[in-house]
Amino acid sequence: MADEQENPTPTVKLHGVVDKIVPPLDANQPEKAQIVIREAEELYKEIRIDNTLEDGDGEKVKLKRGTVVDVIVEAPHDGVQKGTDGEKKSA
């Protein structure tokens, strides 16, 4: 556990906005929230997630169109390498 505190999980925070709410095609499925990620490449800016979240009290909530959100990507330590842009530093 001390290792995790000294070596936090590699993360990146991206900024986005809920662009649209997509109704489900099947009544048994949840609606989707389409999020546009500002820092992503043009062809890959949009992601869709189930629009089912919980607040701090455990209550079910949904995102609204126009909401500014953060998308956080976490990776395990064994899933990353040192360097920039995925390239190893030369010795």
PDB file of N, CA and C in Angstrom:
ATOM      1  N   MET A   1       0.821  -1.189   0.000  1.00  0.00           N
ATOM      2  CA  MET A   1       0.000   0.000   0.000  1.00  0.00           C
ATOM      3  C   MET A   1       0.864   1.252   0.000  1.00  0.00           C
ATOM      4  N   ALA A   2       2.016   1.225   0.679  1.00  0.00           N
ATOM      5  CA  ALA A   2       2.923   2.375   0.699  1.00  0.00           C
ATOM      6  C   ALA A   2       3.441   2.664  -0.697  1.00  0.00           C
ATOM      7  N   ASP A   3       3.673   1.597  -1.497  1.00  0.00           N
ATOM      8  CA  ASP A   3       4.122   1.783  -2.874  1.00  0.00           C
ATOM      9  C   ASP A   3       3.138   2.619  -3.681  1.00  0.00           C
ATOM     10  N   GLU A   4       1.833   2.358  -3.507  1.00  0.00           N
ATOM     11  CA  GLU A   4       0.818   3.090  -4.250  1.00  0.00           C
ATOM     12  C   GLU A   4       0.827   4.565  -3.889  1.00  0.00           C
ATOM     13  N   GLN A   5       1.080   4.891  -2.603  1.00  0.00           N
ATOM     14  CA  GLN A   5       1.114   6.285  -2.197  1.00  0.00           C
ATOM     15  C   GLN A   5       2.346   6.981  -2.762  1.00  0.00           C
ATOM     16  N   GLU A   6       3.486   6.282  -2.790  1.00  0.00           N
ATOM     17  CA  GLU A   6       4.709   6.869  -3.321  1.00  0.00           C
ATOM     18  C   GLU A   6       4.692   6.910  -4.841  1.00  0.00           C
ATOM     19  N   ASN A   7       3.986   6.000  -5.482  1.00  0.00           N
ATOM     20  CA  ASN A   7       3.946   5.850  -6.919  1.00  0.00           C
ATOM     21  C   ASN A   7       2.495   5.898  -7.393  1.00  0.00           C
ATOM     22  N   PRO A   8       1.898   7.087  -7.489  1.00  0.00           N
ATOM     23  CA  PRO A   8       0.484   7.142  -7.849  1.00  0.00           C
ATOM     24  C   PRO A   8       0.227   6.563  -9.243  1.00  0.00           C
ATOM     25  N   THR A   9      -1.004   6.114  -9.451  1.00  0.00           N
ATOM     26  CA  THR A   9      -1.403   5.546 -10.737  1.00  0.00           C
ATOM     27  C   THR A   9      -1.235   6.582 -11.838  1.00  0.00           C
ATOM     28  N   PRO A  10      -0.615   6.195 -12.976  1.00  0.00           N
ATOM     29  CA  PRO A  10      -0.496   7.131 -14.105  1.00  0.00           C
ATOM     30  C   PRO A  10      -1.884   7.510 -14.626  1.00  0.00           C
ATOM     31  N   THR A  11      -2.125   8.812 -14.738  1.00  0.00           N
ATOM     32  CA  THR A  11      -3.424   9.295 -15.203  1.00  0.00           C
ATOM     33  C   THR A  11      -3.263  10.487 -16.132  1.00  0.00           C
ATOM     34  N   VAL A  12      -4.313  10.752 -16.885  1.00  0.00           N
ATOM     35  CA  VAL A  12      -4.427  11.986 -17.659  1.00  0.00           C
ATOM     36  C   VAL A  12      -5.887  12.413 -17.557  1.00  0.00           C
ATOM     37  N   LYS A  13      -6.111  13.713 -17.364  1.00  0.00           N
ATOM     38  CA  LYS A  13      -7.464  14.256 -17.288  1.00  0.00           C
ATOM     39  C   LYS A  13      -7.732  15.033 -18.570  1.00  0.00           C
ATOM     40  N   LEU A  14      -8.810  14.657 -19.253  1.00  0.00           N
ATOM     41  CA  LEU A  14      -9.229  15.331 -20.479  1.00  0.00           C
ATOM     42  C   LEU A  14     -10.525  16.077 -20.200  1.00  0.00           C
ATOM     43  N   HIS A  15     -10.770  17.143 -20.933  1.00  0.00           N
ATOM     44  CA  HIS A  15     -11.940  17.979 -20.703  1.00  0.00           C
ATOM     45  C   HIS A  15     -12.940  17.771 -21.834  1.00  0.00           C
ATOM     46  N   GLY A  16     -14.201  17.694 -21.475  1.00  0.00           N
ATOM     47  CA  GLY A  16     -15.228  17.478 -22.477  1.00  0.00           C
ATOM     48  C   GLY A  16     -16.518  18.163 -22.106  1.00  0.00           C
ATOM     49  N   VAL A  17     -17.484  18.006 -22.997  1.00  0.00           N
ATOM     50  CA  VAL A  17     -18.816  18.554 -22.775  1.00  0.00           C
ATOM     51  C   VAL A  17     -19.823  17.540 -23.307  1.00  0.00           C
ATOM     52  N   VAL A  18     -20.934  17.394 -22.590  1.00  0.00           N
ATOM     53  CA  VAL A  18     -21.996  16.496 -23.036  1.00  0.00           C
ATOM     54  C   VAL A  18     -22.673  17.165 -24.229  1.00  0.00           C
ATOM     55  N   ASP A  19     -22.488  16.559 -25.395  1.00  0.00           N
ATOM     56  CA  ASP A  19     -22.971  17.119 -26.657  1.00  0.00           C
ATOM     57  C   ASP A  19     -24.434  16.769 -26.902  1.00  0.00           C
ATOM     58  N   LYS A  20     -24.801  15.531 -26.586  1.00  0.00           N
ATOM     59  CA  LYS A  20     -26.198  15.126 -26.768  1.00  0.00           C
ATOM     60  C   LYS A  20     -26.523  13.935 -25.892  1.00  0.00           C
ATOM     61  N   ILE A  21     -27.800  13.769 -25.647  1.00  0.00           N
ATOM     62  CA  ILE A  21     -28.325  12.608 -24.929  1.00  0.00           C
ATOM     63  C   ILE A  21     -29.021  11.748 -25.987  1.00  0.00           C
ATOM     64  N   VAL A  22     -28.593  10.487 -26.079  1.00  0.00           N
ATOM     65  CA  VAL A  22     -29.104   9.584 -27.110  1.00  0.00           C
ATOM     66  C   VAL A  22     -30.076   8.599 -26.454  1.00  0.00           C
ATOM     67  N   PRO A  23     -31.344   8.641 -26.877  1.00  0.00           N
ATOM     68  CA  PRO A  23     -32.318   7.711 -26.293  1.00  0.00           C
ATOM     69  C   PRO A  23     -31.982   6.262 -26.664  1.00  0.00           C
ATOM     70  N   PRO A  24     -32.364   5.315 -25.836  1.00  0.00           N
ATOM     71  CA  PRO A  24     -32.062   3.914 -26.134  1.00  0.00           C
ATOM     72  C   PRO A  24     -32.893   3.390 -27.306  1.00  0.00           C
ATOM     73  N   LEU A  25     -32.324   2.448 -28.058  1.00  0.00           N
ATOM     74  CA  LEU A  25     -33.066   1.795 -29.131  1.00  0.00           C
ATOM     75  C   LEU A  25     -34.016   0.743 -28.558  1.00  0.00           C
ATOM     76  N   ASP A  26     -33.644   0.204 -27.410  1.00  0.00           N
ATOM     77  CA  ASP A  26     -34.425  -0.836 -26.729  1.00  0.00           C
ATOM     78  C   ASP A  26     -34.780  -0.302 -25.342  1.00  0.00           C
ATOM     79  N   ALA A  27     -36.031  -0.451 -24.941  1.00  0.00           N
ATOM     80  CA  ALA A  27     -36.485   0.078 -23.650  1.00  0.00           C
ATOM     81  C   ALA A  27     -35.741  -0.528 -22.462  1.00  0.00           C
ATOM     82  N   ASN A  28     -35.091  -1.673 -22.650  1.00  0.00           N
ATOM     83  CA  ASN A  28     -34.346  -2.320 -21.566  1.00  0.00           C
ATOM     84  C   ASN A  28     -32.911  -1.798 -21.446  1.00  0.00           C
ATOM     85  N   GLN A  29     -32.510  -0.936 -22.344  1.00  0.00           N
ATOM     86  CA  GLN A  29     -31.156  -0.387 -22.342  1.00  0.00           C
ATOM     87  C   GLN A  29     -31.173   1.047 -21.805  1.00  0.00           C
ATOM     88  N   PRO A  30     -30.053   1.495 -21.207  1.00  0.00           N
ATOM     89  CA  PRO A  30     -30.003   2.885 -20.723  1.00  0.00           C
ATOM     90  C   PRO A  30     -29.761   3.861 -21.873  1.00  0.00           C
ATOM     91  N   GLU A  31     -30.162   5.116 -21.663  1.00  0.00           N
ATOM     92  CA  GLU A  31     -29.811   6.134 -22.642  1.00  0.00           C
ATOM     93  C   GLU A  31     -28.311   6.368 -22.583  1.00  0.00           C
ATOM     94  N   LYS A  32     -27.754   6.996 -23.615  1.00  0.00           N
ATOM     95  CA  LYS A  32     -26.323   7.268 -23.694  1.00  0.00           C
ATOM     96  C   LYS A  32     -26.090   8.774 -23.628  1.00  0.00           C
ATOM     97  N   ALA A  33     -24.970   9.139 -23.037  1.00  0.00           N
ATOM     98  CA  ALA A  33     -24.515  10.529 -23.063  1.00  0.00           C
ATOM     99  C   ALA A  33     -23.340  10.581 -24.029  1.00  0.00           C
ATOM    100  N   GLN A  34     -23.445  11.423 -25.053  1.00  0.00           N
ATOM    101  CA  GLN A  34     -22.346  11.601 -26.002  1.00  0.00           C
ATOM    102  C   GLN A  34     -21.486  12.756 -25.517  1.00  0.00           C
ATOM    103  N   ILE A  35     -20.209  12.474 -25.312  1.00  0.00           N
ATOM    104  CA  ILE A  35     -19.271  13.464 -24.779  1.00  0.00           C
ATOM    105  C   ILE A  35     -18.251  13.796 -25.850  1.00  0.00           C
ATOM    106  N   VAL A  36     -18.046  15.075 -26.089  1.00  0.00           N
ATOM    107  CA  VAL A  36     -17.017  15.541 -27.016  1.00  0.00           C
ATOM    108  C   VAL A  36     -15.798  15.916 -26.177  1.00  0.00           C
ATOM    109  N   ILE A  37     -14.666  15.256 -26.456  1.00  0.00           N
ATOM    110  CA  ILE A  37     -13.424  15.495 -25.711  1.00  0.00           C
ATOM    111  C   ILE A  37     -12.586  16.508 -26.486  1.00  0.00           C
ATOM    112  N   ARG A  38     -12.339  17.634 -25.878  1.00  0.00           N
ATOM    113  CA  ARG A  38     -11.658  18.752 -26.554  1.00  0.00           C
ATOM    114  C   ARG A  38     -10.256  18.410 -27.038  1.00  0.00           C
ATOM    115  N   GLU A  39      -9.490  17.660 -26.249  1.00  0.00           N
ATOM    116  CA  GLU A  39      -8.085  17.394 -26.587  1.00  0.00           C
ATOM    117  C   GLU A  39      -7.890  16.240 -27.562  1.00  0.00           C
ATOM    118  N   ALA A  40      -8.946  15.544 -27.914  1.00  0.00           N
ATOM    119  CA  ALA A  40      -8.822  14.384 -28.802  1.00  0.00           C
ATOM    120  C   ALA A  40      -8.661  14.823 -30.252  1.00  0.00           C
ATOM    121  N   GLU A  41      -8.142  13.899 -31.079  1.00  0.00           N
ATOM    122  CA  GLU A  41      -8.035  14.166 -32.512  1.00  0.00           C
ATOM    123  C   GLU A  41      -9.430  14.303 -33.104  1.00  0.00           C
ATOM    124  N   GLU A  42      -9.537  15.045 -34.174  1.00  0.00           N
ATOM    125  CA  GLU A  42     -10.832  15.399 -34.765  1.00  0.00           C
ATOM    126  C   GLU A  42     -11.745  14.195 -35.005  1.00  0.00           C
ATOM    127  N   LEU A  43     -11.229  13.121 -35.559  1.00  0.00           N
ATOM    128  CA  LEU A  43     -12.061  11.951 -35.865  1.00  0.00           C
ATOM    129  C   LEU A  43     -12.438  11.130 -34.638  1.00  0.00           C
ATOM    130  N   TYR A  44     -11.823  11.406 -33.489  1.00  0.00           N
ATOM    131  CA  TYR A  44     -12.023  10.583 -32.298  1.00  0.00           C
ATOM    132  C   TYR A  44     -12.527  11.382 -31.106  1.00  0.00           C
ATOM    133  N   LYS A  45     -13.121  12.524 -31.340  1.00  0.00           N
ATOM    134  CA  LYS A  45     -13.536  13.422 -30.266  1.00  0.00           C
ATOM    135  C   LYS A  45     -14.748  12.925 -29.484  1.00  0.00           C
ATOM    136  N   GLU A  46     -15.605  12.126 -30.101  1.00  0.00           N
ATOM    137  CA  GLU A  46     -16.862  11.752 -29.464  1.00  0.00           C
ATOM    138  C   GLU A  46     -16.803  10.346 -28.878  1.00  0.00           C
ATOM    139  N   ILE A  47     -17.270  10.240 -27.628  1.00  0.00           N
ATOM    140  CA  ILE A  47     -17.453   8.930 -27.001  1.00  0.00           C
ATOM    141  C   ILE A  47     -18.875   8.894 -26.453  1.00  0.00           C
ATOM    142  N   ARG A  48     -19.396   7.688 -26.318  1.00  0.00           N
ATOM    143  CA  ARG A  48     -20.726   7.530 -25.722  1.00  0.00           C
ATOM    144  C   ARG A  48     -20.614   6.595 -24.530  1.00  0.00           C
ATOM    145  N   ILE A  49     -21.267   7.008 -23.459  1.00  0.00           N
ATOM    146  CA  ILE A  49     -21.286   6.202 -22.239  1.00  0.00           C
ATOM    147  C   ILE A  49     -22.728   6.050 -21.775  1.00  0.00           C
ATOM    148  N   ASP A  50     -22.999   5.002 -20.979  1.00  0.00           N
ATOM    149  CA  ASP A  50     -24.319   4.890 -20.366  1.00  0.00           C
ATOM    150  C   ASP A  50     -24.535   6.116 -19.498  1.00  0.00           C
ATOM    151  N   ASN A  51     -25.686   6.717 -19.611  1.00  0.00           N
ATOM    152  CA  ASN A  51     -25.998   7.918 -18.826  1.00  0.00           C
ATOM    153  C   ASN A  51     -26.614   7.510 -17.494  1.00  0.00           C
ATOM    154  N   THR A  52     -25.861   6.719 -16.746  1.00  0.00           N
ATOM    155  CA  THR A  52     -26.290   6.260 -15.427  1.00  0.00           C
ATOM    156  C   THR A  52     -25.137   6.485 -14.461  1.00  0.00           C
ATOM    157  N   LEU A  53     -25.254   7.499 -13.636  1.00  0.00           N
ATOM    158  CA  LEU A  53     -24.234   7.848 -12.660  1.00  0.00           C
ATOM    159  C   LEU A  53     -24.841   7.815 -11.269  1.00  0.00           C
ATOM    160  N   GLU A  54     -23.984   7.870 -10.260  1.00  0.00           N
ATOM    161  CA  GLU A  54     -24.429   7.982  -8.867  1.00  0.00           C
ATOM    162  C   GLU A  54     -23.786   9.206  -8.248  1.00  0.00           C
ATOM    163  N   ASP A  55     -24.565   9.934  -7.448  1.00  0.00           N
ATOM    164  CA  ASP A  55     -23.985  11.069  -6.736  1.00  0.00           C
ATOM    165  C   ASP A  55     -23.336  10.577  -5.451  1.00  0.00           C
ATOM    166  N   GLY A  56     -22.815  11.475  -4.646  1.00  0.00           N
ATOM    167  CA  GLY A  56     -22.117  11.127  -3.419  1.00  0.00           C
ATOM    168  C   GLY A  56     -22.972  10.420  -2.383  1.00  0.00           C
ATOM    169  N   ASP A  57     -24.285  10.554  -2.515  1.00  0.00           N
ATOM    170  CA  ASP A  57     -25.214   9.901  -1.579  1.00  0.00           C
ATOM    171  C   ASP A  57     -25.731   8.572  -2.113  1.00  0.00           C
ATOM    172  N   GLY A  58     -25.213   8.140  -3.275  1.00  0.00           N
ATOM    173  CA  GLY A  58     -25.658   6.881  -3.861  1.00  0.00           C
ATOM    174  C   GLY A  58     -26.935   6.997  -4.670  1.00  0.00           C
ATOM    175  N   GLU A  59     -27.430   8.228  -4.879  1.00  0.00           N
ATOM    176  CA  GLU A  59     -28.633   8.445  -5.680  1.00  0.00           C
ATOM    177  C   GLU A  59     -28.300   8.356  -7.162  1.00  0.00           C
ATOM    178  N   LYS A  60     -29.197   7.771  -7.952  1.00  0.00           N
ATOM    179  CA  LYS A  60     -29.027   7.678  -9.398  1.00  0.00           C
ATOM    180  C   LYS A  60     -29.231   9.064 -10.003  1.00  0.00           C
ATOM    181  N   VAL A  61     -28.312   9.470 -10.878  1.00  0.00           N
ATOM    182  CA  VAL A  61     -28.397  10.757 -11.567  1.00  0.00           C
ATOM    183  C   VAL A  61     -28.010  10.566 -13.028  1.00  0.00           C
ATOM    184  N   LYS A  62     -28.333  11.568 -13.856  1.00  0.00           N
ATOM    185  CA  LYS A  62     -28.005  11.538 -15.276  1.00  0.00           C
ATOM    186  C   LYS A  62     -27.332  12.851 -15.660  1.00  0.00           C
ATOM    187  N   LEU A  63     -26.460  12.786 -16.639  1.00  0.00           N
ATOM    188  CA  LEU A  63     -25.847  13.991 -17.185  1.00  0.00           C
ATOM    189  C   LEU A  63     -26.857  14.733 -18.049  1.00  0.00           C
ATOM    190  N   LYS A  64     -26.725  16.071 -18.092  1.00  0.00           N
ATOM    191  CA  LYS A  64     -27.572  16.897 -18.944  1.00  0.00           C
ATOM    192  C   LYS A  64     -26.730  17.428 -20.098  1.00  0.00           C
ATOM    193  N   ARG A  65     -27.384  17.668 -21.219  1.00  0.00           N
ATOM    194  CA  ARG A  65     -26.719  18.241 -22.391  1.00  0.00           C
ATOM    195  C   ARG A  65     -26.084  19.576 -21.998  1.00  0.00           C
ATOM    196  N   GLY A  66     -24.848  19.798 -22.463  1.00  0.00           N
ATOM    197  CA  GLY A  66     -24.138  21.041 -22.179  1.00  0.00           C
ATOM    198  C   GLY A  66     -23.273  20.993 -20.930  1.00  0.00           C
ATOM    199  N   THR A  67     -23.370  19.917 -20.151  1.00  0.00           N
ATOM    200  CA  THR A  67     -22.577  19.799 -18.930  1.00  0.00           C
ATOM    201  C   THR A  67     -21.099  19.615 -19.261  1.00  0.00           C
ATOM    202  N   VAL A  68     -20.239  20.384 -18.602  1.00  0.00           N
ATOM    203  CA  VAL A  68     -18.798  20.249 -18.756  1.00  0.00           C
ATOM    204  C   VAL A  68     -18.340  19.111 -17.847  1.00  0.00           C
ATOM    205  N   VAL A  69     -17.572  18.169 -18.396  1.00  0.00           N
ATOM    206  CA  VAL A  69     -17.130  16.994 -17.644  1.00  0.00           C
ATOM    207  C   VAL A  69     -15.628  16.801 -17.804  1.00  0.00           C
ATOM    208  N   ASP A  70     -15.046  16.040 -16.895  1.00  0.00           N
ATOM    209  CA  ASP A  70     -13.662  15.587 -17.003  1.00  0.00           C
ATOM    210  C   ASP A  70     -13.691  14.094 -17.290  1.00  0.00           C
ATOM    211  N   VAL A  71     -12.863  13.656 -18.229  1.00  0.00           N
ATOM    212  CA  VAL A  71     -12.712  12.236 -18.530  1.00  0.00           C
ATOM    213  C   VAL A  71     -11.317  11.858 -18.056  1.00  0.00           C
ATOM    214  N   ILE A  72     -11.233  10.925 -17.123  1.00  0.00           N
ATOM    215  CA  ILE A  72      -9.940  10.546 -16.543  1.00  0.00           C
ATOM    216  C   ILE A  72      -9.550   9.165 -17.041  1.00  0.00           C
ATOM    217  N   VAL A  73      -8.341   9.070 -17.596  1.00  0.00           N
ATOM    218  CA  VAL A  73      -7.801   7.795 -18.067  1.00  0.00           C
ATOM    219  C   VAL A  73      -6.742   7.363 -17.066  1.00  0.00           C
ATOM    220  N   GLU A  74      -6.901   6.163 -16.492  1.00  0.00           N
ATOM    221  CA  GLU A  74      -5.928   5.605 -15.550  1.00  0.00           C
ATOM    222  C   GLU A  74      -5.329   4.352 -16.165  1.00  0.00           C
ATOM    223  N   ALA A  75      -4.061   4.126 -15.883  1.00  0.00           N
ATOM    224  CA  ALA A  75      -3.389   2.931 -16.396  1.00  0.00           C
ATOM    225  C   ALA A  75      -2.604   2.283 -15.264  1.00  0.00           C
ATOM    226  N   PRO A  76      -2.514   0.956 -15.267  1.00  0.00           N
ATOM    227  CA  PRO A  76      -1.675   0.297 -14.265  1.00  0.00           C
ATOM    228  C   PRO A  76      -0.208   0.586 -14.569  1.00  0.00           C
ATOM    229  N   HIS A  77       0.631   0.511 -13.552  1.00  0.00           N
ATOM    230  CA  HIS A  77       2.054   0.813 -13.741  1.00  0.00           C
ATOM    231  C   HIS A  77       2.704  -0.093 -14.778  1.00  0.00           C
ATOM    232  N   ASP A  78       2.261  -1.362 -14.858  1.00  0.00           N
ATOM    233  CA  ASP A  78       2.870  -2.264 -15.833  1.00  0.00           C
ATOM    234  C   ASP A  78       2.332  -2.047 -17.243  1.00  0.00           C
ATOM    235  N   GLY A  79       1.409  -1.106 -17.417  1.00  0.00           N
ATOM    236  CA  GLY A  79       0.851  -0.808 -18.726  1.00  0.00           C
ATOM    237  C   GLY A  79       1.401   0.463 -19.345  1.00  0.00           C
ATOM    238  N   VAL A  80       2.439   1.044 -18.739  1.00  0.00           N
ATOM    239  CA  VAL A  80       3.029   2.280 -19.264  1.00  0.00           C
ATOM    240  C   VAL A  80       4.542   2.127 -19.365  1.00  0.00           C
ATOM    241  N   GLN A  81       5.153   3.008 -20.144  1.00  0.00           N
ATOM    242  CA  GLN A  81       6.608   3.044 -20.230  1.00  0.00           C
ATOM    243  C   GLN A  81       7.071   4.485 -20.121  1.00  0.00           C
ATOM    244  N   LYS A  82       8.298   4.682 -19.737  1.00  0.00           N
ATOM    245  CA  LYS A  82       8.845   6.033 -19.598  1.00  0.00           C
ATOM    246  C   LYS A  82       9.054   6.644 -20.979  1.00  0.00           C
ATOM    247  N   GLY A  83       8.987   7.956 -21.036  1.00  0.00           N
ATOM    248  CA  GLY A  83       9.221   8.658 -22.294  1.00  0.00           C
ATOM    249  C   GLY A  83       8.000   9.469 -22.674  1.00  0.00           C
ATOM    250  N   THR A  84       8.111  10.174 -23.781  1.00  0.00           N
ATOM    251  CA  THR A  84       7.006  10.987 -24.275  1.00  0.00           C
ATOM    252  C   THR A  84       6.482  10.379 -25.557  1.00  0.00           C
ATOM    253  N   ASP A  85       5.222  10.595 -25.824  1.00  0.00           N
ATOM    254  CA  ASP A  85       4.567  10.084 -27.025  1.00  0.00           C
ATOM    255  C   ASP A  85       4.769   8.607 -27.222  1.00  0.00           C
ATOM    256  N   GLY A  86       4.892   7.841 -26.115  1.00  0.00           N
ATOM    257  CA  GLY A  86       5.007   6.401 -26.210  1.00  0.00           C
ATOM    258  C   GLY A  86       6.374   5.902 -26.627  1.00  0.00           C
ATOM    259  N   GLU A  87       7.358   6.801 -26.746  1.00  0.00           N
ATOM    260  CA  GLU A  87       8.694   6.378 -27.160  1.00  0.00           C
ATOM    261  C   GLU A  87       9.600   6.263 -25.938  1.00  0.00           C
ATOM    262  N   LYS A  88      10.452   5.239 -25.927  1.00  0.00           N
ATOM    263  CA  LYS A  88      11.419   5.075 -24.842  1.00  0.00           C
ATOM    264  C   LYS A  88      12.526   6.093 -25.000  1.00  0.00           C
ATOM    265  N   LYS A  89      13.027   6.554 -23.863  1.00  0.00           N
ATOM    266  CA  LYS A  89      14.191   7.443 -23.889  1.00  0.00           C
ATOM    267  C   LYS A  89      15.429   6.612 -24.205  1.00  0.00           C
ATOM    268  N   SER A  90      16.323   7.145 -25.002  1.00  0.00           N
ATOM    269  CA  SER A  90      17.543   6.398 -25.308  1.00  0.00           C
ATOM    270  C   SER A  90      18.538   6.541 -24.168  1.00  0.00           C
ATOM    271  N   ALA A  91      19.345   5.509 -23.988  1.00  0.00           N
ATOM    272  CA  ALA A  91      20.286   5.490 -22.859  1.00  0.00           C
ATOM    273  C   ALA A  91      21.517   6.318 -23.141  1.00  0.00           C
TER     274      ALA A  91
END
